[in-house]
């Protein structure tokens, strides 16, 4: 018991630290277990007082639980399961050293050889142990199940080729963003389509086409605002939803992004045939997302019919002229 309890807590705390912090203070945990066990056995060899050994083990375990709580506190996002785990750790941190102290105050120094099953020491030990193991078992199972469901959902909403959200993932997030849009705080949607992508696949092979998809997604991730919602809608079509951005500002961003994508090099593709994109732009002020997508799709067809490798917006000819006059400045500002 003297070794089993600290070791079981060590593995539990180590798992919590890995889950919430990404790494575990193994050297500190091993030091606490070693010192706790050594003190407990040292006290046992000198006398049979149970409360001294119990206090030593309880304090060592409590310090390990504090390490787990510190790891959890550094987590940015919590849910109810995390809160319950933290409260359980906090209650055990207080309960463990208080229990042997309360037993000493109530019954005096407990001798291991004369302990009765009905004594406060034994009863409180059983209750505390039952509470700890049942709470940990239930909460850990819930945490594992929730993590598995989150990973499964992440796989369902992530495009495996590009690593960005797929169509489902994009629309899930975009729906929440567009609800906050208003005439004073509009959102802008960009639909991007790689020009002549079928020709790239037919000429250089699908493996090169996959590299082009990954390259376009990488440029989008690198240059888009942190608040932007990015997704691959399917095939060679991508989308970027930018909150709190007017059509004029979004058009400038789209033109700079187009130039960055055009300047991107692909080792397998000849430099005389750069990979370009056509971009359709629409502004939303709180209406349905489907209508915003439809408007951006109309603008995308407009860009393609206008010769490709350009940005077009619904009713946005003036914006196109402004963007085309200062592309290099826009690229520098974007970078």
Protein backbone atom coordinates (compact mmCIF):
# COMPACT_ATOMS: atom_id res chain seq x y z
CA UNK A 1 0.00 0.00 0.00
CA UNK A 2 2.85 2.39 0.82
CA UNK A 3 4.26 1.99 -2.71
CA UNK A 4 1.09 1.20 -4.67
CA UNK A 5 -0.74 4.45 -3.90
CA UNK A 6 2.11 6.86 -4.82
CA UNK A 7 2.87 4.87 -7.98
CA UNK A 8 -0.75 4.83 -9.13
CA UNK A 9 -1.01 8.57 -8.50
CA UNK A 10 2.27 9.08 -10.39
CA UNK A 11 0.88 7.44 -13.55
CA UNK A 12 -2.40 9.34 -13.21
CA UNK A 13 -0.66 12.69 -12.79
CA UNK A 14 1.73 11.91 -15.63
CA UNK A 15 -1.20 11.20 -17.94
CA UNK A 16 -2.90 14.45 -16.93
CA UNK A 17 0.27 16.47 -17.54
CA UNK A 18 0.71 14.91 -20.98
CA UNK A 19 -2.94 15.55 -21.81
CA UNK A 20 -3.12 19.18 -20.72
CA UNK A 21 0.47 20.42 -20.97
CA UNK A 22 2.07 18.26 -23.65
CA UNK A 23 4.89 16.98 -21.44
CA UNK A 24 5.33 15.52 -17.98
CA UNK A 25 7.76 16.47 -15.16
CA UNK A 26 8.91 12.87 -14.79
CA UNK A 27 12.01 13.66 -12.75
CA UNK A 28 9.98 15.66 -10.21
CA UNK A 29 7.34 12.94 -9.97
CA UNK A 30 9.93 10.18 -9.46
CA UNK A 31 11.65 12.28 -6.81
CA UNK A 32 8.39 12.76 -4.90
CA UNK A 33 7.53 9.07 -5.10
CA UNK A 34 11.01 8.02 -3.95
CA UNK A 35 11.11 10.46 -1.04
CA UNK A 36 7.54 9.68 0.02
CA UNK A 37 8.12 5.92 -0.02
CA UNK A 38 11.45 6.22 1.78
CA UNK A 39 9.98 8.38 4.56
CA UNK A 40 6.98 6.06 4.94
CA UNK A 41 9.13 2.94 5.26
CA UNK A 42 11.59 4.72 7.53
CA UNK A 43 8.82 5.66 9.90
CA UNK A 44 7.34 2.18 9.78
CA UNK A 45 10.63 0.59 10.78
CA UNK A 46 10.92 2.73 13.90
CA UNK A 47 7.37 2.49 15.26
CA UNK A 48 3.92 1.31 14.40
CA UNK A 49 2.16 4.68 14.37
CA UNK A 50 -0.10 4.72 11.33
CA UNK A 51 -0.75 8.46 11.29
CA UNK A 52 2.91 9.39 10.69
CA UNK A 53 3.20 7.07 7.73
CA UNK A 54 -0.20 8.18 6.42
CA UNK A 55 0.74 11.85 6.71
CA UNK A 56 4.00 11.32 4.81
CA UNK A 57 2.29 9.46 1.96
CA UNK A 58 -0.63 11.91 1.86
CA UNK A 59 1.63 14.96 1.61
CA UNK A 60 3.70 13.40 -1.18
CA UNK A 61 0.59 12.46 -3.16
CA UNK A 62 -0.91 15.92 -2.58
CA UNK A 63 2.19 17.57 -4.06
CA UNK A 64 1.89 15.37 -7.15
CA UNK A 65 -1.76 16.34 -7.52
CA UNK A 66 -0.76 20.01 -7.33
CA UNK A 67 1.52 19.44 -10.33
CA UNK A 68 -1.45 18.04 -12.25
CA UNK A 69 -3.60 21.06 -11.37
CA UNK A 70 -0.86 23.43 -12.50
CA UNK A 71 -0.75 21.64 -15.85
CA UNK A 72 -4.53 21.93 -16.21
CA UNK A 73 -4.52 25.64 -15.37
CA UNK A 74 -2.34 26.34 -18.42
CA UNK A 75 -4.98 24.92 -20.73
CA UNK A 76 -6.83 27.63 -22.66
CA UNK A 77 -10.07 25.78 -23.27
CA UNK A 78 -11.97 23.90 -20.58
CA UNK A 79 -15.24 22.02 -20.57
CA UNK A 80 -17.32 20.50 -17.78
CA UNK A 81 -15.27 17.31 -17.68
CA UNK A 82 -12.06 19.29 -17.21
CA UNK A 83 -13.70 21.34 -14.46
CA UNK A 84 -14.85 18.19 -12.65
CA UNK A 85 -11.37 16.67 -12.88
CA UNK A 86 -9.80 19.84 -11.50
CA UNK A 87 -12.30 20.02 -8.62
CA UNK A 88 -11.67 16.35 -7.82
CA UNK A 89 -7.92 16.95 -7.73
CA UNK A 90 -8.38 19.99 -5.52
CA UNK A 91 -10.63 18.13 -3.09
CA UNK A 92 -8.19 15.22 -2.87
CA UNK A 93 -5.27 17.60 -2.33
CA UNK A 94 -7.07 18.93 0.74
CA UNK A 95 -8.58 15.65 1.87
CA UNK A 96 -5.41 13.55 1.85
CA UNK A 97 -3.38 15.47 4.47
CA UNK A 98 -6.46 16.47 6.48
CA UNK A 99 -7.66 12.87 6.96
CA UNK A 100 -4.68 11.56 9.01
CA UNK A 101 -4.54 14.83 10.94
CA UNK A 102 -8.25 14.57 11.81
CA UNK A 103 -7.78 10.94 12.80
CA UNK A 104 -4.97 11.91 15.16
CA UNK A 105 -7.08 14.64 16.76
CA UNK A 106 -10.10 12.32 17.18
CA UNK A 107 -8.48 9.03 18.17
CA UNK A 108 -4.91 9.97 18.99
CA UNK A 109 -1.89 8.15 17.62
CA UNK A 110 -3.13 5.06 15.78
CA UNK A 111 -1.11 1.88 16.30
CA UNK A 112 -1.18 -0.39 13.25
CA UNK A 113 -1.21 -3.49 15.43
CA UNK A 114 -4.31 -2.43 17.37
CA UNK A 115 -6.41 -0.73 14.69
CA UNK A 116 -10.05 -1.83 14.55
CA UNK A 117 -12.13 -1.92 11.39
CA UNK A 118 -14.65 0.47 12.98
CA UNK A 119 -12.07 3.10 13.91
CA UNK A 120 -12.22 6.53 12.31
CA UNK A 121 -8.81 5.92 10.76
CA UNK A 122 -9.88 2.80 8.88
CA UNK A 123 -13.36 4.04 7.92
CA UNK A 124 -12.09 7.41 6.66
CA UNK A 125 -9.32 5.67 4.72
CA UNK A 126 -11.83 3.41 2.95
CA UNK A 127 -14.18 6.30 2.15
CA UNK A 128 -11.36 8.50 0.84
CA UNK A 129 -9.95 5.67 -1.27
CA UNK A 130 -13.36 4.78 -2.68
CA UNK A 131 -14.07 8.41 -3.52
CA UNK A 132 -10.70 8.86 -5.22
CA UNK A 133 -10.78 5.72 -7.34
CA UNK A 134 -14.43 5.98 -8.40
CA UNK A 135 -14.12 9.69 -9.25
CA UNK A 136 -10.91 9.18 -11.19
CA UNK A 137 -12.26 6.13 -13.03
CA UNK A 138 -15.46 7.86 -14.14
CA UNK A 139 -13.86 11.19 -15.04
CA UNK A 140 -10.91 9.62 -16.86
CA UNK A 141 -13.25 7.43 -18.90
CA UNK A 142 -15.37 10.46 -19.77
CA UNK A 143 -12.26 12.46 -20.70
CA UNK A 144 -10.94 9.66 -22.91
CA UNK A 145 -14.33 9.24 -24.59
CA UNK A 146 -14.65 12.99 -25.17
CA UNK A 147 -11.13 13.15 -26.65
CA UNK A 148 -11.87 10.26 -28.99
CA UNK A 149 -15.09 11.90 -30.14
CA UNK A 150 -13.25 15.20 -30.66
CA UNK A 151 -10.56 13.46 -32.72
CA UNK A 152 -13.22 11.69 -34.77
CA UNK A 153 -15.02 14.98 -35.40
CA UNK A 154 -11.71 16.64 -36.32
CA UNK A 155 -11.08 13.93 -38.90
CA UNK A 156 -14.60 14.38 -40.28
CA UNK A 157 -14.20 18.14 -40.79
CA UNK A 158 -10.55 18.20 -41.97
CA UNK A 159 -9.37 17.67 -45.52
CA UNK A 160 -6.66 14.98 -45.32
CA UNK A 161 -4.75 16.27 -48.36
CA UNK A 162 -4.41 19.95 -47.55
CA UNK A 163 -4.77 19.80 -43.76
CA UNK A 164 -7.35 22.60 -43.70
CA UNK A 165 -11.08 22.23 -42.97
CA UNK A 166 -13.10 20.45 -45.63
CA UNK A 167 -16.46 21.64 -46.92
CA UNK A 168 -18.32 20.44 -43.84
CA UNK A 169 -15.79 21.94 -41.45
CA UNK A 170 -15.77 25.25 -43.27
CA UNK A 171 -19.53 25.64 -43.26
CA UNK A 172 -19.79 24.63 -39.57
CA UNK A 173 -17.46 27.44 -38.52
CA UNK A 174 -18.62 29.94 -41.13
CA UNK A 175 -22.23 29.65 -39.97
CA UNK A 176 -21.27 30.87 -36.50
CA UNK A 177 -19.17 33.74 -37.89
CA UNK A 178 -21.77 35.05 -40.29
CA UNK A 179 -24.40 35.27 -37.54
CA UNK A 180 -22.38 38.09 -35.99
CA UNK A 181 -22.19 40.06 -39.25
CA UNK A 182 -24.06 43.35 -39.64
CA UNK A 183 -24.03 46.34 -42.01
CA UNK A 184 -21.53 48.00 -39.66
CA UNK A 185 -19.42 44.85 -39.26
CA UNK A 186 -19.67 42.99 -42.59
CA UNK A 187 -17.95 39.77 -43.55
CA UNK A 188 -16.31 39.02 -46.88
CA UNK A 189 -16.20 35.66 -48.61
CA UNK A 190 -13.54 34.70 -51.13
CA UNK A 191 -13.99 31.68 -53.39
CA UNK A 192 -10.74 30.57 -55.04
CA UNK A 193 -10.45 28.18 -57.96
CA UNK A 194 -7.12 26.96 -59.36
CA UNK A 195 -6.98 27.80 -63.05
CA UNK A 196 -6.70 24.88 -65.48
CA UNK A 197 -6.16 22.41 -62.65
CA UNK A 198 -7.30 19.48 -64.79
CA UNK A 199 -4.51 20.35 -67.23
CA UNK A 200 -2.00 20.21 -64.36
CA UNK A 201 -3.16 16.71 -63.42
CA UNK A 202 -3.19 15.52 -67.03
CA UNK A 203 0.24 16.96 -67.83
CA UNK A 204 2.23 16.37 -64.65
CA UNK A 205 0.23 13.68 -62.84
CA UNK A 206 -2.04 13.60 -59.83
CA UNK A 207 0.85 13.55 -57.39
CA UNK A 208 1.98 16.95 -58.65
CA UNK A 209 -1.63 18.09 -58.54
CA UNK A 210 -1.77 17.09 -54.86
CA UNK A 211 1.38 19.13 -54.20
CA UNK A 212 -0.27 22.12 -55.86
CA UNK A 213 -3.32 21.71 -53.61
CA UNK A 214 -1.10 21.60 -50.52
CA UNK A 215 0.90 24.60 -51.75
CA UNK A 216 -2.20 26.74 -52.31
CA UNK A 217 -3.57 25.78 -48.88
CA UNK A 218 -0.22 26.65 -47.28
CA UNK A 219 -0.13 30.12 -48.84
CA UNK A 220 -3.71 30.73 -47.71
CA UNK A 221 -2.89 29.73 -44.15
CA UNK A 222 0.28 31.80 -44.06
CA UNK A 223 -1.24 35.01 -45.42
CA UNK A 224 -4.83 35.01 -44.13
CA UNK A 225 -5.80 36.84 -40.93
CA UNK A 226 -5.97 34.75 -37.77
CA UNK A 227 -9.72 35.33 -37.54
CA UNK A 228 -10.33 34.09 -41.09
CA UNK A 229 -12.16 30.80 -41.73
CA UNK A 230 -10.36 28.77 -44.40
CA UNK A 231 -11.56 25.63 -46.13
CA UNK A 232 -11.26 23.41 -49.16
CA UNK A 233 -14.72 23.05 -50.61
CA UNK A 234 -13.75 20.25 -52.98
CA UNK A 235 -11.43 19.56 -55.87
CA UNK A 236 -9.50 22.72 -56.70
CA UNK A 237 -11.94 25.12 -55.02
CA UNK A 238 -11.16 26.90 -51.73
CA UNK A 239 -12.89 29.46 -49.55
CA UNK A 240 -11.83 32.18 -47.12
CA UNK A 241 -14.35 33.96 -44.89
CA UNK A 242 -12.97 37.11 -43.27
CA UNK A 243 -15.00 38.68 -40.44
CA UNK A 244 -15.25 42.43 -39.85
CA UNK A 245 -13.99 43.16 -43.36
CA UNK A 246 -15.63 45.25 -46.08
CA UNK A 247 -15.60 44.31 -49.74
CA UNK A 248 -13.03 46.98 -50.58
CA UNK A 249 -10.55 45.74 -47.95
CA UNK A 250 -11.20 42.13 -48.88
CA UNK A 251 -10.61 42.91 -52.54
CA UNK A 252 -7.19 44.38 -51.74
CA UNK A 253 -6.36 41.27 -49.69
CA UNK A 254 -7.61 38.97 -52.46
CA UNK A 255 -5.50 40.68 -55.10
CA UNK A 256 -2.38 40.45 -52.95
CA UNK A 257 -3.13 36.80 -52.22
CA UNK A 258 -3.58 36.13 -55.94
CA UNK A 259 -0.16 37.64 -56.67
CA UNK A 260 1.46 35.58 -53.91
CA UNK A 261 -0.07 32.40 -55.31
CA UNK A 262 1.08 33.31 -58.81
CA UNK A 263 4.62 33.89 -57.54
CA UNK A 264 4.72 30.49 -55.84
CA UNK A 265 7.06 28.03 -57.57
CA UNK A 266 6.52 24.31 -58.01
CA UNK A 267 9.66 22.29 -58.85
CA UNK A 268 7.76 19.81 -61.02
CA UNK A 269 5.97 22.49 -63.07
CA UNK A 270 7.77 24.57 -65.68
CA UNK A 271 8.26 28.22 -64.73
CA UNK A 272 6.60 29.32 -67.99
CA UNK A 273 3.32 27.85 -66.74
CA UNK A 274 2.73 29.32 -63.25
CA UNK A 275 -0.14 28.06 -61.15
CA UNK A 276 -2.72 30.83 -60.87
CA UNK A 277 -6.13 31.21 -59.25
CA UNK A 278 -9.35 33.02 -60.01
CA UNK A 279 -11.08 34.62 -57.03
CA UNK A 280 -14.71 35.61 -56.58
CA UNK A 281 -15.61 38.00 -53.79
CA UNK A 282 -18.88 38.85 -52.03
CA UNK A 283 -19.73 40.88 -48.95
CA UNK A 284 -22.26 39.75 -46.34
CA UNK A 285 -24.06 41.80 -43.71
CA UNK A 286 -25.88 39.11 -41.77
CA UNK A 287 -27.87 37.25 -44.40
CA UNK A 288 -27.83 33.48 -44.95
CA UNK A 289 -24.50 31.90 -45.73
CA UNK A 290 -25.95 30.18 -48.81
CA UNK A 291 -26.75 33.55 -50.37
CA UNK A 292 -23.24 34.82 -49.68
CA UNK A 293 -21.74 31.70 -51.26
CA UNK A 294 -24.02 32.10 -54.26
CA UNK A 295 -22.93 35.73 -54.76
CA UNK A 296 -19.25 34.79 -54.44
CA UNK A 297 -19.78 31.95 -56.91
CA UNK A 298 -21.27 34.40 -59.43
CA UNK A 299 -18.21 36.62 -58.98
CA UNK A 300 -15.92 33.60 -59.43
CA UNK A 301 -17.52 32.75 -62.77
CA UNK A 302 -17.12 36.40 -63.69
CA UNK A 303 -13.38 36.17 -62.98
CA UNK A 304 -13.05 32.99 -65.02
CA UNK A 305 -15.00 34.33 -67.95
CA UNK A 306 -12.89 37.49 -67.83
CA UNK A 307 -9.71 35.56 -68.57
CA UNK A 308 -8.85 33.85 -65.24
CA UNK A 309 -5.97 34.77 -62.89
CA UNK A 310 -7.92 37.75 -61.53
CA UNK A 311 -10.22 38.88 -58.75
CA UNK A 312 -13.84 39.81 -59.38
CA UNK A 313 -16.63 41.00 -57.11
CA UNK A 314 -20.34 41.38 -57.62
CA UNK A 315 -20.68 44.96 -58.84
CA UNK A 316 -17.02 45.53 -58.02
CA UNK A 317 -15.40 46.82 -61.21
CA UNK A 318 -14.14 49.94 -59.42
CA UNK A 319 -12.45 47.78 -56.78
CA UNK A 320 -10.69 45.78 -59.45
CA UNK A 321 -9.23 48.91 -60.99
CA UNK A 322 -7.99 50.17 -57.61
CA UNK A 323 -6.40 46.84 -56.76
CA UNK A 324 -4.65 46.44 -60.10
CA UNK A 325 -2.95 49.84 -59.85
CA UNK A 326 -0.98 49.01 -56.67
CA UNK A 327 -0.38 45.26 -56.51
CA UNK A 328 3.24 45.39 -55.29
CA UNK A 329 2.35 47.67 -52.40
CA UNK A 330 -0.42 45.29 -51.43
CA UNK A 331 1.91 42.32 -51.48
CA UNK A 332 4.40 44.09 -49.24
CA UNK A 333 1.61 45.17 -46.87
CA UNK A 334 0.24 41.63 -46.73
CA UNK A 335 3.64 40.16 -45.92
